[in-house]
């Protein structure tokens, strides 16, 4: 399996902002409506939409429309991809320290 460094970079760029890291952590508890995410921040709805677009475009977050609401959840495949990269790096470091 070849590594897609472009996708990894997109994920890391998405998580390079404190607000997006906090949102991603919030989503680890399960799917959330945009209105619930917005309650925890002192930002406008358009600013939240901007952050959510970056997270969704990175493949780390999945969005779905439920009536008038947008709901967000962690996209397991995206999370697994970046996790596998770091796990592989950790293994290499562990082997080199023996």
N, C-alpha and C. Protein backbone atom coordinates (compact mmCIF):
# COMPACT_ATOMS: atom_id res chain seq x y z
N UNK A 1 0.85 -1.19 0.00
CA UNK A 1 0.00 0.00 0.00
C UNK A 1 0.89 1.25 0.00
N UNK A 2 0.68 2.11 -0.96
CA UNK A 2 1.50 3.32 -1.04
C UNK A 2 0.92 4.40 -0.13
N UNK A 3 1.80 5.24 0.33
CA UNK A 3 1.40 6.32 1.21
C UNK A 3 1.01 7.53 0.38
N UNK A 4 -0.05 8.19 0.80
CA UNK A 4 -0.48 9.40 0.11
C UNK A 4 -0.13 10.60 0.99
N UNK A 5 1.06 11.10 0.78
CA UNK A 5 1.55 12.20 1.62
C UNK A 5 0.72 13.47 1.46
N UNK A 6 0.12 13.65 0.30
CA UNK A 6 -0.75 14.81 0.10
C UNK A 6 -1.95 14.78 1.02
N UNK A 7 -2.54 13.59 1.17
CA UNK A 7 -3.69 13.44 2.08
C UNK A 7 -3.25 13.63 3.53
N UNK A 8 -2.09 13.10 3.88
CA UNK A 8 -1.58 13.28 5.24
C UNK A 8 -1.38 14.77 5.54
N UNK A 9 -0.80 15.48 4.58
CA UNK A 9 -0.54 16.91 4.77
C UNK A 9 -1.85 17.67 4.93
N UNK A 10 -2.87 17.29 4.16
CA UNK A 10 -4.18 17.94 4.25
C UNK A 10 -4.78 17.73 5.64
N UNK A 11 -4.65 16.52 6.18
CA UNK A 11 -5.16 16.23 7.53
C UNK A 11 -4.41 17.06 8.57
N UNK A 12 -3.11 17.10 8.45
CA UNK A 12 -2.32 17.84 9.44
C UNK A 12 -2.59 19.34 9.34
N UNK A 13 -2.80 19.83 8.13
CA UNK A 13 -3.13 21.25 7.96
C UNK A 13 -4.49 21.54 8.61
N UNK A 14 -5.43 20.61 8.44
CA UNK A 14 -6.76 20.79 9.04
C UNK A 14 -6.67 20.86 10.56
N UNK A 15 -5.73 20.11 11.13
CA UNK A 15 -5.59 20.07 12.58
C UNK A 15 -4.54 21.05 13.10
N UNK A 16 -4.11 21.97 12.24
CA UNK A 16 -3.10 22.94 12.65
C UNK A 16 -3.71 24.18 13.30
N UNK A 17 -5.01 24.17 13.48
CA UNK A 17 -5.72 25.29 14.08
C UNK A 17 -6.38 24.84 15.38
N UNK A 18 -6.21 25.61 16.45
CA UNK A 18 -6.73 25.23 17.77
C UNK A 18 -8.24 25.00 17.75
N UNK A 19 -8.98 25.84 17.05
CA UNK A 19 -10.43 25.68 17.00
C UNK A 19 -10.79 24.36 16.36
N UNK A 20 -10.13 24.01 15.25
CA UNK A 20 -10.44 22.75 14.57
C UNK A 20 -10.03 21.55 15.41
N UNK A 21 -8.95 21.64 16.15
CA UNK A 21 -8.56 20.54 17.04
C UNK A 21 -9.62 20.36 18.12
N UNK A 22 -10.11 21.46 18.67
CA UNK A 22 -11.17 21.37 19.70
C UNK A 22 -12.44 20.76 19.13
N UNK A 23 -12.81 21.17 17.92
CA UNK A 23 -14.00 20.60 17.27
C UNK A 23 -13.81 19.11 17.05
N UNK A 24 -12.63 18.73 16.55
CA UNK A 24 -12.35 17.32 16.29
C UNK A 24 -12.45 16.51 17.59
N UNK A 25 -11.94 17.06 18.67
CA UNK A 25 -12.03 16.40 19.98
C UNK A 25 -13.48 16.29 20.42
N UNK A 26 -14.26 17.33 20.22
CA UNK A 26 -15.69 17.28 20.57
C UNK A 26 -16.39 16.16 19.82
N UNK A 27 -16.03 15.98 18.56
CA UNK A 27 -16.68 14.96 17.74
C UNK A 27 -16.29 13.54 18.15
N UNK A 28 -15.23 13.42 18.95
CA UNK A 28 -14.84 12.08 19.40
C UNK A 28 -15.89 11.48 20.34
N UNK A 29 -16.78 12.32 20.87
CA UNK A 29 -17.88 11.84 21.71
C UNK A 29 -19.09 11.41 20.89
N UNK A 30 -19.04 11.63 19.58
CA UNK A 30 -20.14 11.24 18.69
C UNK A 30 -20.60 12.40 17.83
N UNK A 31 -21.56 12.10 16.98
CA UNK A 31 -22.08 13.08 16.03
C UNK A 31 -22.67 14.29 16.75
N UNK A 32 -22.39 15.47 16.18
CA UNK A 32 -22.91 16.71 16.75
C UNK A 32 -23.51 17.59 15.66
N UNK A 33 -24.55 18.28 16.03
CA UNK A 33 -25.15 19.28 15.16
C UNK A 33 -24.28 20.54 15.20
N UNK A 34 -24.23 21.25 14.09
CA UNK A 34 -23.45 22.48 14.03
C UNK A 34 -23.86 23.44 15.14
N UNK A 35 -25.14 23.48 15.46
CA UNK A 35 -25.61 24.40 16.51
C UNK A 35 -25.00 24.05 17.86
N UNK A 36 -24.79 22.77 18.15
CA UNK A 36 -24.18 22.36 19.41
C UNK A 36 -22.69 22.71 19.43
N UNK A 37 -22.03 22.55 18.30
CA UNK A 37 -20.61 22.91 18.22
C UNK A 37 -20.47 24.42 18.45
N UNK A 38 -21.33 25.18 17.82
CA UNK A 38 -21.27 26.64 17.90
C UNK A 38 -21.45 27.14 19.32
N UNK A 39 -22.21 26.42 20.14
CA UNK A 39 -22.44 26.83 21.53
C UNK A 39 -21.15 26.91 22.34
N UNK A 40 -20.14 26.12 21.96
CA UNK A 40 -18.88 26.07 22.73
C UNK A 40 -17.84 27.09 22.27
N UNK A 41 -18.17 27.88 21.28
CA UNK A 41 -17.20 28.82 20.72
C UNK A 41 -17.77 30.22 20.66
N UNK A 42 -16.89 31.19 20.65
CA UNK A 42 -17.27 32.58 20.48
C UNK A 42 -16.97 32.99 19.04
N UNK A 43 -17.63 32.28 18.10
CA UNK A 43 -17.43 32.55 16.67
C UNK A 43 -18.79 32.62 15.99
N UNK A 44 -18.80 33.15 14.80
CA UNK A 44 -20.05 33.24 14.04
C UNK A 44 -20.30 31.93 13.28
N UNK A 45 -21.52 31.78 12.81
CA UNK A 45 -21.87 30.58 12.04
C UNK A 45 -21.04 30.49 10.76
N UNK A 46 -20.82 31.59 10.01
CA UNK A 46 -19.96 31.48 8.83
C UNK A 46 -18.53 31.05 9.16
N UNK A 47 -18.01 31.48 10.30
CA UNK A 47 -16.67 31.06 10.71
C UNK A 47 -16.66 29.57 11.02
N UNK A 48 -17.71 29.08 11.69
CA UNK A 48 -17.80 27.65 11.96
C UNK A 48 -17.87 26.88 10.64
N UNK A 49 -18.65 27.36 9.71
CA UNK A 49 -18.76 26.70 8.40
C UNK A 49 -17.41 26.61 7.71
N UNK A 50 -16.62 27.66 7.81
CA UNK A 50 -15.27 27.68 7.24
C UNK A 50 -14.41 26.57 7.86
N UNK A 51 -14.42 26.47 9.19
CA UNK A 51 -13.64 25.44 9.87
C UNK A 51 -14.14 24.04 9.52
N UNK A 52 -15.47 23.86 9.45
CA UNK A 52 -16.02 22.55 9.15
C UNK A 52 -15.70 22.14 7.72
N UNK A 53 -15.68 23.08 6.80
CA UNK A 53 -15.32 22.75 5.41
C UNK A 53 -13.89 22.23 5.34
N UNK A 54 -12.99 22.86 6.06
CA UNK A 54 -11.59 22.40 6.07
C UNK A 54 -11.49 21.00 6.66
N UNK A 55 -12.19 20.75 7.76
CA UNK A 55 -12.16 19.42 8.38
C UNK A 55 -12.78 18.37 7.46
N UNK A 56 -13.88 18.72 6.81
CA UNK A 56 -14.53 17.77 5.90
C UNK A 56 -13.67 17.52 4.65
N UNK A 57 -13.10 18.58 4.09
CA UNK A 57 -12.26 18.43 2.90
C UNK A 57 -11.01 17.60 3.18
N UNK A 58 -10.57 17.59 4.43
CA UNK A 58 -9.38 16.80 4.79
C UNK A 58 -9.68 15.31 4.86
N UNK A 59 -10.95 14.97 4.97
CA UNK A 59 -11.34 13.57 5.11
C UNK A 59 -11.43 13.11 6.54
N UNK A 60 -11.17 14.00 7.48
CA UNK A 60 -11.23 13.63 8.90
C UNK A 60 -12.65 13.69 9.47
N UNK A 61 -13.51 14.50 8.86
CA UNK A 61 -14.86 14.70 9.37
C UNK A 61 -15.86 14.47 8.25
N UNK A 62 -16.96 13.83 8.61
CA UNK A 62 -18.07 13.57 7.67
C UNK A 62 -19.23 14.49 8.04
N UNK A 63 -19.91 15.02 7.03
CA UNK A 63 -21.09 15.86 7.29
C UNK A 63 -22.31 15.23 6.63
N UNK A 64 -23.45 15.50 7.24
CA UNK A 64 -24.72 15.07 6.63
C UNK A 64 -25.80 16.07 7.01
N UNK A 65 -26.70 16.27 6.08
CA UNK A 65 -27.82 17.19 6.33
C UNK A 65 -28.96 16.39 6.94
N UNK A 66 -29.53 16.95 8.00
CA UNK A 66 -30.70 16.36 8.66
C UNK A 66 -31.74 17.46 8.74
N UNK A 67 -32.58 17.55 7.74
CA UNK A 67 -33.54 18.65 7.65
C UNK A 67 -32.79 19.96 7.42
N UNK A 68 -32.98 20.91 8.32
CA UNK A 68 -32.29 22.20 8.18
C UNK A 68 -30.93 22.19 8.87
N UNK A 69 -30.61 21.11 9.58
CA UNK A 69 -29.38 21.05 10.37
C UNK A 69 -28.28 20.29 9.64
N UNK A 70 -27.05 20.71 9.92
CA UNK A 70 -25.88 19.96 9.46
C UNK A 70 -25.35 19.21 10.67
N UNK A 71 -25.07 17.94 10.49
CA UNK A 71 -24.52 17.13 11.57
C UNK A 71 -23.15 16.62 11.13
N UNK A 72 -22.25 16.57 12.09
CA UNK A 72 -20.86 16.22 11.81
C UNK A 72 -20.41 15.07 12.69
N UNK A 73 -19.55 14.23 12.13
CA UNK A 73 -18.96 13.13 12.88
C UNK A 73 -17.56 12.86 12.35
N UNK A 74 -16.77 12.17 13.14
CA UNK A 74 -15.42 11.80 12.69
C UNK A 74 -15.55 10.73 11.62
N UNK A 75 -14.81 10.91 10.55
CA UNK A 75 -14.78 9.94 9.46
C UNK A 75 -13.69 8.92 9.79
N UNK A 76 -14.12 7.72 10.13
CA UNK A 76 -13.19 6.70 10.64
C UNK A 76 -12.07 6.40 9.66
N UNK A 77 -12.35 6.35 8.37
CA UNK A 77 -11.29 6.06 7.39
C UNK A 77 -10.21 7.13 7.40
N UNK A 78 -10.62 8.38 7.49
CA UNK A 78 -9.65 9.48 7.54
C UNK A 78 -8.81 9.41 8.80
N UNK A 79 -9.45 9.15 9.92
CA UNK A 79 -8.73 9.02 11.19
C UNK A 79 -7.76 7.84 11.13
N UNK A 80 -8.24 6.70 10.62
CA UNK A 80 -7.38 5.51 10.52
C UNK A 80 -6.17 5.76 9.65
N UNK A 81 -6.34 6.51 8.58
CA UNK A 81 -5.24 6.80 7.66
C UNK A 81 -4.12 7.57 8.35
N UNK A 82 -4.48 8.65 9.03
CA UNK A 82 -3.45 9.47 9.69
C UNK A 82 -2.88 8.72 10.89
N UNK A 83 -3.72 7.93 11.57
CA UNK A 83 -3.24 7.12 12.69
C UNK A 83 -2.21 6.09 12.22
N UNK A 84 -2.47 5.45 11.09
CA UNK A 84 -1.54 4.47 10.55
C UNK A 84 -0.19 5.10 10.20
N UNK A 85 -0.21 6.33 9.70
CA UNK A 85 1.04 7.02 9.40
C UNK A 85 1.86 7.18 10.68
N UNK A 86 1.23 7.69 11.73
CA UNK A 86 1.95 7.92 12.99
C UNK A 86 2.35 6.60 13.66
N UNK A 87 1.50 5.59 13.57
CA UNK A 87 1.86 4.29 14.12
C UNK A 87 3.10 3.74 13.41
N UNK A 88 3.14 3.87 12.09
CA UNK A 88 4.29 3.40 11.32
C UNK A 88 5.56 4.14 11.68
N UNK A 89 5.45 5.44 11.86
CA UNK A 89 6.61 6.24 12.28
C UNK A 89 7.06 5.80 13.66
N UNK A 90 6.11 5.57 14.56
CA UNK A 90 6.45 5.13 15.92
C UNK A 90 7.17 3.80 15.91
N UNK A 91 6.72 2.89 15.05
CA UNK A 91 7.38 1.59 14.95
C UNK A 91 8.84 1.74 14.47
N UNK A 92 9.02 2.58 13.47
CA UNK A 92 10.37 2.79 12.93
C UNK A 92 11.29 3.39 14.01
N UNK A 93 10.77 4.34 14.76
CA UNK A 93 11.56 4.97 15.82
C UNK A 93 11.90 3.94 16.90
N UNK A 94 10.90 3.12 17.26
CA UNK A 94 11.12 2.09 18.25
C UNK A 94 12.18 1.09 17.82
N UNK A 95 12.17 0.73 16.54
CA UNK A 95 13.17 -0.22 16.02
C UNK A 95 14.57 0.41 16.00
N UNK A 96 14.64 1.70 15.69
CA UNK A 96 15.94 2.34 15.59
C UNK A 96 16.55 2.61 16.98
N UNK A 97 15.73 2.58 18.02
CA UNK A 97 16.24 2.81 19.38
C UNK A 97 16.65 1.53 20.07
N UNK A 98 16.58 0.41 19.37
CA UNK A 98 16.98 -0.88 19.98
C UNK A 98 18.47 -1.08 19.90
